[in-house]
Amino acid sequence: MKKIKLLMPAIKSVSLVLILSSCLTTATTTGRPIDESNLPKIVKGQTTIEEIISMFGAPTATTAMEDSTIYIYRYCVTKGKGVYTGYFGKSESQELCDELAITFDKQGRVKIYNFQKRIK
């Protein structure tokens, strides 16, 4: 019985840490998913900016160059997990992105495009 009384502060401390500890799993997204079924519809020299916007929506970013314009569509999923106690924490996350880059010529037609899936 005496040993139990001596261990009570330690048991209370461990119990408190366990109560205050938490595990956390998160998933966040940025951008809109890229509809891959539309990729075969892109025809170099024919598909226009307006058609691309109707297929994929507004781009995530645009870059105007001297003789071309580049539209970037980017969709990212960030998954994270962590363990937190009252004093310490450890977390890690991983981001995977799909990216579609389309270059248009001066006439607003697709010059070239590139799609990459699950890039880090």
Protein backbone atom coordinates (compact mmCIF):
# COMPACT_ATOMS: atom_id res chain seq x y z
CA MET A 1 0.00 0.00 0.00
CA LYS A 2 2.91 2.32 0.79
CA LYS A 3 4.39 1.73 -2.68
CA ILE A 4 1.10 2.67 -4.35
CA LYS A 5 0.99 5.96 -2.42
CA LEU A 6 4.54 6.73 -3.56
CA LEU A 7 3.63 5.98 -7.20
CA MET A 8 0.43 8.05 -7.21
CA PRO A 9 2.10 11.34 -8.31
CA ALA A 10 3.80 9.54 -11.18
CA ILE A 11 0.56 7.79 -12.18
CA LYS A 12 -1.30 11.11 -12.12
CA SER A 13 1.40 12.76 -14.22
CA VAL A 14 1.37 10.00 -16.84
CA SER A 15 -2.44 10.05 -16.90
CA LEU A 16 -2.45 13.81 -17.43
CA VAL A 17 0.04 13.56 -20.30
CA LEU A 18 -2.06 10.84 -21.94
CA ILE A 19 -5.21 12.91 -21.56
CA LEU A 20 -3.55 15.99 -23.07
CA SER A 21 -1.90 14.02 -25.87
CA SER A 22 -3.53 13.90 -29.24
CA CYS A 23 -3.02 12.41 -32.66
CA LEU A 24 -3.88 14.53 -35.64
CA THR A 25 -4.39 13.62 -39.29
CA THR A 26 -5.07 16.35 -41.80
CA ALA A 27 -5.67 16.63 -45.52
CA THR A 28 -5.89 19.97 -47.29
CA THR A 29 -6.23 20.80 -50.96
CA THR A 30 -5.38 23.80 -53.09
CA GLY A 31 -6.71 24.46 -56.56
CA ARG A 32 -9.30 22.38 -58.39
CA PRO A 33 -8.86 18.79 -59.59
CA ILE A 34 -7.71 18.65 -63.21
CA ASP A 35 -10.21 16.73 -65.35
CA GLU A 36 -7.90 14.30 -67.14
CA SER A 37 -10.69 13.19 -69.49
CA ASN A 38 -10.30 16.57 -71.24
CA LEU A 39 -6.60 16.11 -72.02
CA PRO A 40 -7.17 14.18 -75.30
CA LYS A 41 -9.41 17.05 -76.47
CA ILE A 42 -6.43 19.44 -76.54
CA VAL A 43 -5.19 19.71 -80.12
CA LYS A 44 -1.97 21.62 -80.78
CA GLY A 45 -2.52 24.50 -83.20
CA GLN A 46 -6.33 24.27 -82.90
CA THR A 47 -7.63 24.42 -79.32
CA THR A 48 -8.20 28.02 -78.20
CA ILE A 49 -7.82 29.75 -74.85
CA GLU A 50 -11.62 29.97 -74.57
CA GLU A 51 -11.98 26.23 -75.13
CA ILE A 52 -9.31 25.49 -72.50
CA ILE A 53 -11.09 27.72 -69.99
CA SER A 54 -14.39 25.95 -70.71
CA MET A 55 -12.69 22.57 -70.11
CA PHE A 56 -10.57 23.41 -67.04
CA GLY A 57 -11.85 26.72 -65.68
CA ALA A 58 -9.69 29.69 -64.79
CA PRO A 59 -5.98 28.86 -64.51
CA THR A 60 -4.12 28.87 -61.20
CA ALA A 61 -1.49 31.18 -62.72
CA THR A 62 -0.73 32.87 -66.04
CA THR A 63 2.50 34.20 -67.52
CA ALA A 64 2.56 36.55 -70.50
CA MET A 65 5.66 36.32 -72.66
CA GLU A 66 6.66 38.19 -75.79
CA ASP A 67 5.22 35.69 -78.26
CA SER A 68 3.16 33.38 -76.04
CA THR A 69 1.06 33.03 -72.92
CA ILE A 70 1.34 30.20 -70.41
CA TYR A 71 -1.56 28.92 -68.31
CA ILE A 72 -0.79 26.78 -65.28
CA TYR A 73 -3.41 24.56 -63.64
CA ARG A 74 -2.26 23.13 -60.32
CA TYR A 75 -4.11 20.91 -57.85
CA CYS A 76 -2.33 19.85 -54.65
CA VAL A 77 -3.24 17.56 -51.78
CA THR A 78 -1.25 17.91 -48.57
CA LYS A 79 -1.59 15.09 -46.06
CA GLY A 80 -0.18 15.47 -42.60
CA LYS A 81 -0.06 13.59 -39.36
CA GLY A 82 1.25 14.40 -35.95
CA VAL A 83 1.38 13.50 -32.30
CA TYR A 84 1.16 16.24 -29.71
CA THR A 85 1.54 16.21 -25.95
CA GLY A 86 1.24 19.10 -23.59
CA TYR A 87 4.87 20.06 -24.19
CA PHE A 88 6.16 18.26 -27.25
CA GLY A 89 4.91 17.60 -30.75
CA LYS A 90 6.03 15.91 -33.89
CA SER A 91 4.41 16.24 -37.25
CA GLU A 92 5.14 15.45 -40.88
CA SER A 93 3.38 16.21 -44.11
CA GLN A 94 3.58 15.31 -47.77
CA GLU A 95 2.28 17.34 -50.70
CA LEU A 96 1.46 15.76 -54.05
CA CYS A 97 0.35 17.90 -56.99
CA ASP A 98 -1.11 17.48 -60.44
CA GLU A 99 -0.01 20.19 -62.86
CA LEU A 100 -1.09 21.11 -66.37
CA ALA A 101 0.98 23.73 -68.21
CA ILE A 102 -0.37 25.03 -71.53
CA THR A 103 1.51 27.43 -73.80
CA PHE A 104 -0.56 29.45 -76.29
CA ASP A 105 0.77 31.18 -79.40
CA LYS A 106 0.03 34.82 -80.36
CA GLN A 107 -3.28 33.77 -81.93
CA GLY A 108 -4.42 32.18 -78.64
CA ARG A 109 -4.13 28.59 -79.83
CA VAL A 110 -2.37 25.77 -77.99
CA LYS A 111 1.28 25.62 -78.93
CA ILE A 112 2.32 22.89 -76.48
CA TYR A 113 1.09 21.40 -73.22
CA ASN A 114 2.41 19.15 -70.49
CA PHE A 115 0.54 17.25 -67.73
CA GLN A 116 2.31 15.84 -64.67
CA LYS A 117 0.56 13.77 -62.04
CA ARG A 118 1.44 13.41 -58.35
CA ILE A 119 4.61 15.50 -58.43
CA LYS A 120 6.23 16.51 -55.16
